[in-house]
Amino acid sequence: MNERVTITIPREIVRDIDRRERNRSRFILRAVQNELERHRKEELRRSLRGPHPESEQLAQAGISDWMASLPEGDADLLDLGAGTGVRWVPGQGWTEESK
């Protein structure tokens, strides 16, 4: 479902859009989607630089203890054989384990 939104853009920007794209709405939608994706990635980077305090608690408890605390039937949420091994480094957050 689409929703109509009214925005104000400088005339020269509208001219630039019109030179490149016949459908302004599609162009602006793609631009907004790209910007939202950029923000999402930046938020993830910021989270990795300053992890949530519970991350350290999880690291100290260990993954086995965490998995044991899961409600019955949820143990399959984590595949221990998949992914990349990481370890917690105080002040740095999660870092990839040396192989």
PDB file of N, CA and C in Angstrom:
ATOM      1  N   MET A   1       0.847  -1.176   0.000  1.00  0.00           N
ATOM      2  CA  MET A   1       0.000   0.000   0.000  1.00  0.00           C
ATOM      3  C   MET A   1       0.891   1.238   0.000  1.00  0.00           C
ATOM      4  N   ASN A   2       0.606   2.137  -0.854  1.00  0.00           N
ATOM      5  CA  ASN A   2       1.368   3.384  -0.957  1.00  0.00           C
ATOM      6  C   ASN A   2       0.672   4.491  -0.193  1.00  0.00           C
ATOM      7  N   GLU A   3       1.467   5.463   0.178  1.00  0.00           N
ATOM      8  CA  GLU A   3       0.928   6.628   0.868  1.00  0.00           C
ATOM      9  C   GLU A   3       1.480   7.873   0.200  1.00  0.00           C
ATOM     10  N   ARG A   4       0.633   8.841  -0.025  1.00  0.00           N
ATOM     11  CA  ARG A   4       1.051  10.086  -0.670  1.00  0.00           C
ATOM     12  C   ARG A   4       1.720  10.974   0.374  1.00  0.00           C
ATOM     13  N   VAL A   5       2.881  11.528  -0.015  1.00  0.00           N
ATOM     14  CA  VAL A   5       3.643  12.425   0.852  1.00  0.00           C
ATOM     15  C   VAL A   5       3.999  13.664   0.042  1.00  0.00           C
ATOM     16  N   THR A   6       3.841  14.812   0.630  1.00  0.00           N
ATOM     17  CA  THR A   6       4.210  16.054  -0.028  1.00  0.00           C
ATOM     18  C   THR A   6       5.536  16.529   0.551  1.00  0.00           C
ATOM     19  N   ILE A   7       6.499  16.774  -0.323  1.00  0.00           N
ATOM     20  CA  ILE A   7       7.803  17.280   0.113  1.00  0.00           C
ATOM     21  C   ILE A   7       8.160  18.516  -0.708  1.00  0.00           C
ATOM     22  N   THR A   8       9.052  19.321  -0.178  1.00  0.00           N
ATOM     23  CA  THR A   8       9.523  20.504  -0.886  1.00  0.00           C
ATOM     24  C   THR A   8      11.002  20.312  -1.186  1.00  0.00           C
ATOM     25  N   ILE A   9      11.341  20.449  -2.455  1.00  0.00           N
ATOM     26  CA  ILE A   9      12.725  20.259  -2.920  1.00  0.00           C
ATOM     27  C   ILE A   9      13.106  21.483  -3.746  1.00  0.00           C
ATOM     28  N   PRO A  10      14.340  21.949  -3.609  1.00  0.00           N
ATOM     29  CA  PRO A  10      14.773  23.082  -4.432  1.00  0.00           C
ATOM     30  C   PRO A  10      14.583  22.798  -5.928  1.00  0.00           C
ATOM     31  N   ARG A  11      14.195  23.830  -6.659  1.00  0.00           N
ATOM     32  CA  ARG A  11      13.884  23.719  -8.083  1.00  0.00           C
ATOM     33  C   ARG A  11      15.039  23.073  -8.878  1.00  0.00           C
ATOM     34  N   GLU A  12      16.274  23.456  -8.574  1.00  0.00           N
ATOM     35  CA  GLU A  12      17.400  22.908  -9.337  1.00  0.00           C
ATOM     36  C   GLU A  12      17.572  21.399  -9.116  1.00  0.00           C
ATOM     37  N   ILE A  13      17.192  20.909  -7.935  1.00  0.00           N
ATOM     38  CA  ILE A  13      17.244  19.464  -7.682  1.00  0.00           C
ATOM     39  C   ILE A  13      16.174  18.752  -8.506  1.00  0.00           C
ATOM     40  N   VAL A  14      14.993  19.332  -8.564  1.00  0.00           N
ATOM     41  CA  VAL A  14      13.914  18.750  -9.372  1.00  0.00           C
ATOM     42  C   VAL A  14      14.341  18.690 -10.839  1.00  0.00           C
ATOM     43  N   ARG A  15      14.979  19.735 -11.330  1.00  0.00           N
ATOM     44  CA  ARG A  15      15.465  19.733 -12.725  1.00  0.00           C
ATOM     45  C   ARG A  15      16.495  18.624 -12.943  1.00  0.00           C
ATOM     46  N   ASP A  16      17.392  18.442 -11.977  1.00  0.00           N
ATOM     47  CA  ASP A  16      18.392  17.370 -12.090  1.00  0.00           C
ATOM     48  C   ASP A  16      17.722  15.991 -12.117  1.00  0.00           C
ATOM     49  N   ILE A  17      16.719  15.818 -11.280  1.00  0.00           N
ATOM     50  CA  ILE A  17      15.985  14.548 -11.275  1.00  0.00           C
ATOM     51  C   ILE A  17      15.318  14.334 -12.625  1.00  0.00           C
ATOM     52  N   ASP A  18      14.649  15.363 -13.136  1.00  0.00           N
ATOM     53  CA  ASP A  18      13.923  15.246 -14.403  1.00  0.00           C
ATOM     54  C   ASP A  18      14.857  14.951 -15.577  1.00  0.00           C
ATOM     55  N   ARG A  19      16.085  15.412 -15.511  1.00  0.00           N
ATOM     56  CA  ARG A  19      17.047  15.124 -16.586  1.00  0.00           C
ATOM     57  C   ARG A  19      17.462  13.654 -16.578  1.00  0.00           C
ATOM     58  N   ARG A  20      17.388  13.015 -15.428  1.00  0.00           N
ATOM     59  CA  ARG A  20      17.881  11.646 -15.284  1.00  0.00           C
ATOM     60  C   ARG A  20      16.786  10.587 -15.250  1.00  0.00           C
ATOM     61  N   GLU A  21      15.607  10.979 -14.842  1.00  0.00           N
ATOM     62  CA  GLU A  21      14.544   9.994 -14.613  1.00  0.00           C
ATOM     63  C   GLU A  21      13.196  10.581 -15.003  1.00  0.00           C
ATOM     64  N   ARG A  22      12.411   9.793 -15.734  1.00  0.00           N
ATOM     65  CA  ARG A  22      11.081  10.264 -16.127  1.00  0.00           C
ATOM     66  C   ARG A  22      10.094  10.189 -14.969  1.00  0.00           C
ATOM     67  N   ASN A  23      10.307   9.230 -14.073  1.00  0.00           N
ATOM     68  CA  ASN A  23       9.380   9.015 -12.968  1.00  0.00           C
ATOM     69  C   ASN A  23      10.002   9.544 -11.674  1.00  0.00           C
ATOM     70  N   ARG A  24       9.642  10.772 -11.297  1.00  0.00           N
ATOM     71  CA  ARG A  24      10.206  11.390 -10.086  1.00  0.00           C
ATOM     72  C   ARG A  24       9.963  10.542  -8.850  1.00  0.00           C
ATOM     73  N   SER A  25       8.762  10.030  -8.713  1.00  0.00           N
ATOM     74  CA  SER A  25       8.425   9.253  -7.516  1.00  0.00           C
ATOM     75  C   SER A  25       9.341   8.042  -7.376  1.00  0.00           C
ATOM     76  N   ARG A  26       9.565   7.330  -8.471  1.00  0.00           N
ATOM     77  CA  ARG A  26      10.434   6.159  -8.432  1.00  0.00           C
ATOM     78  C   ARG A  26      11.859   6.563  -8.064  1.00  0.00           C
ATOM     79  N   PHE A  27      12.329   7.649  -8.643  1.00  0.00           N
ATOM     80  CA  PHE A  27      13.686   8.131  -8.352  1.00  0.00           C
ATOM     81  C   PHE A  27      13.827   8.489  -6.872  1.00  0.00           C
ATOM     82  N   ILE A  28      12.859   9.232  -6.357  1.00  0.00           N
ATOM     83  CA  ILE A  28      12.910   9.659  -4.956  1.00  0.00           C
ATOM     84  C   ILE A  28      12.763   8.454  -4.029  1.00  0.00           C
ATOM     85  N   LEU A  29      11.911   7.502  -4.383  1.00  0.00           N
ATOM     86  CA  LEU A  29      11.764   6.288  -3.585  1.00  0.00           C
ATOM     87  C   LEU A  29      13.097   5.547  -3.489  1.00  0.00           C
ATOM     88  N   ARG A  30      13.782   5.372  -4.622  1.00  0.00           N
ATOM     89  CA  ARG A  30      15.090   4.683  -4.602  1.00  0.00           C
ATOM     90  C   ARG A  30      16.095   5.458  -3.768  1.00  0.00           C
ATOM     91  N   ALA A  31      16.097   6.773  -3.887  1.00  0.00           N
ATOM     92  CA  ALA A  31      17.026   7.595  -3.105  1.00  0.00           C
ATOM     93  C   ALA A  31      16.757   7.443  -1.608  1.00  0.00           C
ATOM     94  N   VAL A  32      15.497   7.453  -1.229  1.00  0.00           N
ATOM     95  CA  VAL A  32      15.136   7.299   0.186  1.00  0.00           C
ATOM     96  C   VAL A  32      15.502   5.898   0.671  1.00  0.00           C
ATOM     97  N   GLN A  33      15.232   4.881  -0.133  1.00  0.00           N
ATOM     98  CA  GLN A  33      15.602   3.513   0.254  1.00  0.00           C
ATOM     99  C   GLN A  33      17.109   3.390   0.455  1.00  0.00           C
ATOM    100  N   ASN A  34      17.888   3.979  -0.455  1.00  0.00           N
ATOM    101  CA  ASN A  34      19.349   3.949  -0.317  1.00  0.00           C
ATOM    102  C   ASN A  34      19.801   4.652   0.956  1.00  0.00           C
ATOM    103  N   GLU A  35      19.190   5.777   1.252  1.00  0.00           N
ATOM    104  CA  GLU A  35      19.559   6.531   2.457  1.00  0.00           C
ATOM    105  C   GLU A  35      19.181   5.768   3.720  1.00  0.00           C
ATOM    106  N   LEU A  36      18.014   5.135   3.723  1.00  0.00           N
ATOM    107  CA  LEU A  36      17.614   4.333   4.880  1.00  0.00           C
ATOM    108  C   LEU A  36      18.570   3.158   5.087  1.00  0.00           C
ATOM    109  N   GLU A  37      18.993   2.535   4.005  1.00  0.00           N
ATOM    110  CA  GLU A  37      19.960   1.433   4.090  1.00  0.00           C
ATOM    111  C   GLU A  37      21.300   1.933   4.631  1.00  0.00           C
ATOM    112  N   ARG A  38      21.730   3.113   4.191  1.00  0.00           N
ATOM    113  CA  ARG A  38      22.969   3.697   4.690  1.00  0.00           C
ATOM    114  C   ARG A  38      22.868   3.952   6.199  1.00  0.00           C
ATOM    115  N   HIS A  39      21.725   4.469   6.634  1.00  0.00           N
ATOM    116  CA  HIS A  39      21.518   4.711   8.068  1.00  0.00           C
ATOM    117  C   HIS A  39      21.533   3.396   8.851  1.00  0.00           C
ATOM    118  N   ARG A  40      20.881   2.364   8.310  1.00  0.00           N
ATOM    119  CA  ARG A  40      20.843   1.063   8.984  1.00  0.00           C
ATOM    120  C   ARG A  40      22.254   0.516   9.162  1.00  0.00           C
ATOM    121  N   LYS A  41      23.061   0.616   8.114  1.00  0.00           N
ATOM    122  CA  LYS A  41      24.439   0.118   8.197  1.00  0.00           C
ATOM    123  C   LYS A  41      25.261   0.929   9.193  1.00  0.00           C
ATOM    124  N   GLU A  42      25.066   2.230   9.218  1.00  0.00           N
ATOM    125  CA  GLU A  42      25.797   3.069  10.174  1.00  0.00           C
ATOM    126  C   GLU A  42      25.382   2.742  11.603  1.00  0.00           C
ATOM    127  N   GLU A  43      24.098   2.501  11.829  1.00  0.00           N
ATOM    128  CA  GLU A  43      23.640   2.115  13.162  1.00  0.00           C
ATOM    129  C   GLU A  43      24.266   0.793  13.585  1.00  0.00           C
ATOM    130  N   LEU A  44      24.393  -0.150  12.650  1.00  0.00           N
ATOM    131  CA  LEU A  44      25.034  -1.420  12.951  1.00  0.00           C
ATOM    132  C   LEU A  44      26.506  -1.204  13.290  1.00  0.00           C
ATOM    133  N   ARG A  45      27.207  -0.374  12.497  1.00  0.00           N
ATOM    134  CA  ARG A  45      28.623  -0.087  12.795  1.00  0.00           C
ATOM    135  C   ARG A  45      28.774   0.550  14.180  1.00  0.00           C
ATOM    136  N   ARG A  46      27.876   1.494  14.492  1.00  0.00           N
ATOM    137  CA  ARG A  46      27.913   2.155  15.794  1.00  0.00           C
ATOM    138  C   ARG A  46      27.672   1.140  16.913  1.00  0.00           C
ATOM    139  N   SER A  47      26.750   0.217  16.693  1.00  0.00           N
ATOM    140  CA  SER A  47      26.455  -0.820  17.677  1.00  0.00           C
ATOM    141  C   SER A  47      27.661  -1.730  17.888  1.00  0.00           C
ATOM    142  N   LEU A  48      28.371  -2.047  16.809  1.00  0.00           N
ATOM    143  CA  LEU A  48      29.554  -2.909  16.929  1.00  0.00           C
ATOM    144  C   LEU A  48      30.701  -2.192  17.642  1.00  0.00           C
ATOM    145  N   ARG A  49      30.790  -0.859  17.454  1.00  0.00           N
ATOM    146  CA  ARG A  49      31.843  -0.089  18.153  1.00  0.00           C
ATOM    147  C   ARG A  49      31.530   0.057  19.634  1.00  0.00           C
ATOM    148  N   GLY A  50      30.268   0.140  19.976  1.00  0.00           N
ATOM    149  CA  GLY A  50      29.854   0.313  21.370  1.00  0.00           C
ATOM    150  C   GLY A  50      28.751  -0.669  21.700  1.00  0.00           C
ATOM    151  N   PRO A  51      29.091  -1.952  21.861  1.00  0.00           N
ATOM    152  CA  PRO A  51      28.065  -2.974  22.050  1.00  0.00           C
ATOM    153  C   PRO A  51      27.221  -2.735  23.304  1.00  0.00           C
ATOM    154  N   HIS A  52      26.058  -3.308  23.285  1.00  0.00           N
ATOM    155  CA  HIS A  52      25.143  -3.238  24.413  1.00  0.00           C
ATOM    156  C   HIS A  52      25.797  -3.907  25.626  1.00  0.00           C
ATOM    157  N   PRO A  53      25.609  -3.366  26.828  1.00  0.00           N
ATOM    158  CA  PRO A  53      26.222  -3.953  28.029  1.00  0.00           C
ATOM    159  C   PRO A  53      25.905  -5.434  28.214  1.00  0.00           C
ATOM    160  N   GLU A  54      24.749  -5.883  27.765  1.00  0.00           N
ATOM    161  CA  GLU A  54      24.412  -7.300  27.912  1.00  0.00           C
ATOM    162  C   GLU A  54      25.307  -8.196  27.061  1.00  0.00           C
ATOM    163  N   SER A  55      25.971  -7.640  26.047  1.00  0.00           N
ATOM    164  CA  SER A  55      26.887  -8.438  25.227  1.00  0.00           C
ATOM    165  C   SER A  55      28.030  -8.979  26.074  1.00  0.00           C
ATOM    166  N   GLU A  56      28.553  -8.143  26.961  1.00  0.00           N
ATOM    167  CA  GLU A  56      29.652  -8.594  27.820  1.00  0.00           C
ATOM    168  C   GLU A  56      29.169  -9.680  28.776  1.00  0.00           C
ATOM    169  N   GLN A  57      27.955  -9.531  29.302  1.00  0.00           N
ATOM    170  CA  GLN A  57      27.405 -10.559  30.192  1.00  0.00           C
ATOM    171  C   GLN A  57      27.266 -11.882  29.456  1.00  0.00           C
ATOM    172  N   LEU A  58      26.810 -11.832  28.205  1.00  0.00           N
ATOM    173  CA  LEU A  58      26.684 -13.034  27.394  1.00  0.00           C
ATOM    174  C   LEU A  58      28.051 -13.663  27.167  1.00  0.00           C
ATOM    175  N   ALA A  59      29.042 -12.834  26.884  1.00  0.00           N
ATOM    176  CA  ALA A  59      30.388 -13.348  26.643  1.00  0.00           C
ATOM    177  C   ALA A  59      30.941 -14.033  27.890  1.00  0.00           C
ATOM    178  N   GLN A  60      30.688 -13.445  29.051  1.00  0.00           N
ATOM    179  CA  GLN A  60      31.191 -14.029  30.293  1.00  0.00           C
ATOM    180  C   GLN A  60      30.462 -15.329  30.628  1.00  0.00           C
ATOM    181  N   ALA A  61      29.168 -15.374  30.369  1.00  0.00           N
ATOM    182  CA  ALA A  61      28.390 -16.567  30.688  1.00  0.00           C
ATOM    183  C   ALA A  61      28.770 -17.715  29.759  1.00  0.00           C
ATOM    184  N   GLY A  62      29.060 -17.393  28.528  1.00  0.00           N
ATOM    185  CA  GLY A  62      29.386 -18.426  27.549  1.00  0.00           C
ATOM    186  C   GLY A  62      28.147 -18.852  26.799  1.00  0.00           C
ATOM    187  N   ILE A  63      28.360 -19.270  25.582  1.00  0.00           N
ATOM    188  CA  ILE A  63      27.243 -19.606  24.699  1.00  0.00           C
ATOM    189  C   ILE A  63      26.489 -20.828  25.201  1.00  0.00           C
ATOM    190  N   SER A  64      27.193 -21.789  25.814  1.00  0.00           N
ATOM    191  CA  SER A  64      26.521 -22.993  26.312  1.00  0.00           C
ATOM    192  C   SER A  64      25.521 -22.651  27.403  1.00  0.00           C
ATOM    193  N   ASP A  65      25.940 -21.772  28.329  1.00  0.00           N
ATOM    194  CA  ASP A  65      25.035 -21.353  29.403  1.00  0.00           C
ATOM    195  C   ASP A  65      23.839 -20.601  28.823  1.00  0.00           C
ATOM    196  N   TRP A  66      24.107 -19.769  27.844  1.00  0.00           N
ATOM    197  CA  TRP A  66      23.020 -19.016  27.228  1.00  0.00           C
ATOM    198  C   TRP A  66      22.025 -19.960  26.570  1.00  0.00           C
ATOM    199  N   MET A  67      22.551 -20.930  25.810  1.00  0.00           N
ATOM    200  CA  MET A  67      21.664 -21.875  25.129  1.00  0.00           C
ATOM    201  C   MET A  67      20.862 -22.685  26.135  1.00  0.00           C
ATOM    202  N   ALA A  68      21.461 -23.023  27.275  1.00  0.00           N
ATOM    203  CA  ALA A  68      20.756 -23.785  28.308  1.00  0.00           C
ATOM    204  C   ALA A  68      19.616 -22.966  28.914  1.00  0.00           C
ATOM    205  N   SER A  69      19.737 -21.636  28.855  1.00  0.00           N
ATOM    206  CA  SER A  69      18.711 -20.775  29.447  1.00  0.00           C
ATOM    207  C   SER A  69      17.536 -20.520  28.504  1.00  0.00           C
ATOM    208  N   LEU A  70      17.640 -20.965  27.265  1.00  0.00           N
ATOM    209  CA  LEU A  70      16.561 -20.736  26.306  1.00  0.00           C
ATOM    210  C   LEU A  70      15.324 -21.547  26.670  1.00  0.00           C
ATOM    211  N   PRO A  71      14.154 -21.034  26.340  1.00  0.00           N
ATOM    212  CA  PRO A  71      12.926 -21.805  26.580  1.00  0.00           C
ATOM    213  C   PRO A  71      12.966 -23.130  25.815  1.00  0.00           C
ATOM    214  N   GLU A  72      12.261 -24.101  26.328  1.00  0.00           N
ATOM    215  CA  GLU A  72      12.230 -25.418  25.704  1.00  0.00           C
ATOM    216  C   GLU A  72      11.800 -25.306  24.244  1.00  0.00           C
ATOM    217  N   GLY A  73      12.533 -25.961  23.382  1.00  0.00           N
ATOM    218  CA  GLY A  73      12.217 -25.948  21.962  1.00  0.00           C
ATOM    219  C   GLY A  73      12.934 -24.869  21.171  1.00  0.00           C
ATOM    220  N   ASP A  74      13.674 -23.985  21.851  1.00  0.00           N
ATOM    221  CA  ASP A  74      14.364 -22.897  21.156  1.00  0.00           C
ATOM    222  C   ASP A  74      15.852 -23.154  20.965  1.00  0.00           C
ATOM    223  N   ALA A  75      16.348 -24.308  21.376  1.00  0.00           N
ATOM    224  CA  ALA A  75      17.778 -24.585  21.285  1.00  0.00           C
ATOM    225  C   ALA A  75      18.266 -24.623  19.837  1.00  0.00           C
ATOM    226  N   ASP A  76      17.360 -24.835  18.895  1.00  0.00           N
ATOM    227  CA  ASP A  76      17.767 -24.889  17.490  1.00  0.00           C
ATOM    228  C   ASP A  76      17.900 -23.502  16.864  1.00  0.00           C
ATOM    229  N   LEU A  77      17.771 -22.443  17.673  1.00  0.00           N
ATOM    230  CA  LEU A  77      17.921 -21.085  17.154  1.00  0.00           C
ATOM    231  C   LEU A  77      19.354 -20.775  16.757  1.00  0.00           C
ATOM    232  N   LEU A  78      20.292 -21.551  17.261  1.00  0.00           N
ATOM    233  CA  LEU A  78      21.703 -21.277  17.010  1.00  0.00           C
ATOM    234  C   LEU A  78      22.378 -22.525  16.475  1.00  0.00           C
ATOM    235  N   ASP A  79      23.063 -22.373  15.361  1.00  0.00           N
ATOM    236  CA  ASP A  79      23.847 -23.455  14.773  1.00  0.00           C
ATOM    237  C   ASP A  79      25.300 -23.192  15.119  1.00  0.00           C
ATOM    238  N   LEU A  80      25.833 -23.940  16.076  1.00  0.00           N
ATOM    239  CA  LEU A  80      27.206 -23.712  16.547  1.00  0.00           C
ATOM    240  C   LEU A  80      28.245 -23.957  15.456  1.00  0.00           C
ATOM    241  N   GLY A  81      27.908 -24.712  14.429  1.00  0.00           N
ATOM    242  CA  GLY A  81      28.862 -24.998  13.365  1.00  0.00           C
ATOM    243  C   GLY A  81      28.876 -23.950  12.261  1.00  0.00           C
ATOM    244  N   ALA A  82      27.975 -23.007  12.308  1.00  0.00           N
ATOM    245  CA  ALA A  82      27.872 -21.999  11.255  1.00  0.00           C
ATOM    246  C   ALA A  82      28.548 -20.709  11.685  1.00  0.00           C
ATOM    247  N   GLY A  83      28.800 -19.861  10.736  1.00  0.00           N
ATOM    248  CA  GLY A  83      29.293 -18.519  11.037  1.00  0.00           C
ATOM    249  C   GLY A  83      30.777 -18.457  11.328  1.00  0.00           C
ATOM    250  N   THR A  84      31.180 -17.352  11.908  1.00  0.00           N
ATOM    251  CA  THR A  84      32.570 -17.072  12.222  1.00  0.00           C
ATOM    252  C   THR A  84      32.734 -16.988  13.728  1.00  0.00           C
ATOM    253  N   GLY A  85      33.750 -17.642  14.249  1.00  0.00           N
ATOM    254  CA  GLY A  85      34.004 -17.587  15.679  1.00  0.00           C
ATOM    255  C   GLY A  85      34.427 -16.189  16.102  1.00  0.00           C
ATOM    256  N   VAL A  86      33.884 -15.729  17.202  1.00  0.00           N
ATOM    257  CA  VAL A  86      34.230 -14.415  17.745  1.00  0.00           C
ATOM    258  C   VAL A  86      34.510 -14.541  19.230  1.00  0.00           C
ATOM    259  N   ARG A  87      35.185 -13.565  19.751  1.00  0.00           N
ATOM    260  CA  ARG A  87      35.411 -13.509  21.198  1.00  0.00           C
ATOM    261  C   ARG A  87      35.252 -12.070  21.631  1.00  0.00           C
ATOM    262  N   TRP A  88      34.943 -11.887  22.910  1.00  0.00           N
ATOM    263  CA  TRP A  88      34.729 -10.558  23.471  1.00  0.00           C
ATOM    264  C   TRP A  88      36.056  -9.999  23.945  1.00  0.00           C
ATOM    265  N   VAL A  89      36.378  -8.799  23.519  1.00  0.00           N
ATOM    266  CA  VAL A  89      37.569  -8.092  23.985  1.00  0.00           C
ATOM    267  C   VAL A  89      37.085  -6.834  24.695  1.00  0.00           C
ATOM    268  N   PRO A  90      37.304  -6.752  26.027  1.00  0.00           N
ATOM    269  CA  PRO A  90      36.835  -5.570  26.755  1.00  0.00           C
ATOM    270  C   PRO A  90      37.350  -4.281  26.108  1.00  0.00           C
ATOM    271  N   GLY A  91      36.457  -3.335  25.958  1.00  0.00           N
ATOM    272  CA  GLY A  91      36.810  -2.059  25.351  1.00  0.00           C
ATOM    273  C   GLY A  91      36.762  -2.059  23.834  1.00  0.00           C
ATOM    274  N   GLN A  92      36.729  -3.240  23.235  1.00  0.00           N
ATOM    275  CA  GLN A  92      36.675  -3.339  21.763  1.00  0.00           C
ATOM    276  C   GLN A  92      35.397  -3.977  21.265  1.00  0.00           C
ATOM    277  N   GLY A  93      34.818  -4.835  22.085  1.00  0.00           N
ATOM    278  CA  GLY A  93      33.612  -5.539  21.658  1.00  0.00           C
ATOM    279  C   GLY A  93      33.966  -6.888  21.065  1.00  0.00           C
ATOM    280  N   TRP A  94      33.095  -7.405  20.211  1.00  0.00           N
ATOM    281  CA  TRP A  94      33.286  -8.700  19.604  1.00  0.00           C
ATOM    282  C   TRP A  94      34.338  -8.615  18.496  1.00  0.00           C
ATOM    283  N   THR A  95      35.299  -9.523  18.520  1.00  0.00           N
ATOM    284  CA  THR A  95      36.325  -9.577  17.476  1.00  0.00           C
ATOM    285  C   THR A  95      36.425 -11.010  16.966  1.00  0.00           C
ATOM    286  N   GLU A  96      36.824 -11.160  15.725  1.00  0.00           N
ATOM    287  CA  GLU A  96      36.934 -12.478  15.108  1.00  0.00           C
ATOM    288  C   GLU A  96      38.057 -13.262  15.777  1.00  0.00           C
ATOM    289  N   GLU A  97      37.792 -14.544  16.057  1.00  0.00           N
ATOM    290  CA  GLU A  97      38.798 -15.396  16.681  1.00  0.00           C
ATOM    291  C   GLU A  97      39.891 -15.737  15.685  1.00  0.00           C
ATOM    292  N   SER A  98      41.096 -15.854  16.184  1.00  0.00           N
ATOM    293  CA  SER A  98      42.213 -16.311  15.339  1.00  0.00           C
ATOM    294  C   SER A  98      42.037 -17.788  15.063  1.00  0.00           C
ATOM    295  N   LYS A  99      42.404 -18.190  13.870  1.00  0.00           N
ATOM    296  CA  LYS A  99      42.246 -19.610  13.505  1.00  0.00           C
ATOM    297  C   LYS A  99      43.515 -20.359  13.711  1.00  0.00           C
TER     298      LYS A  99
END
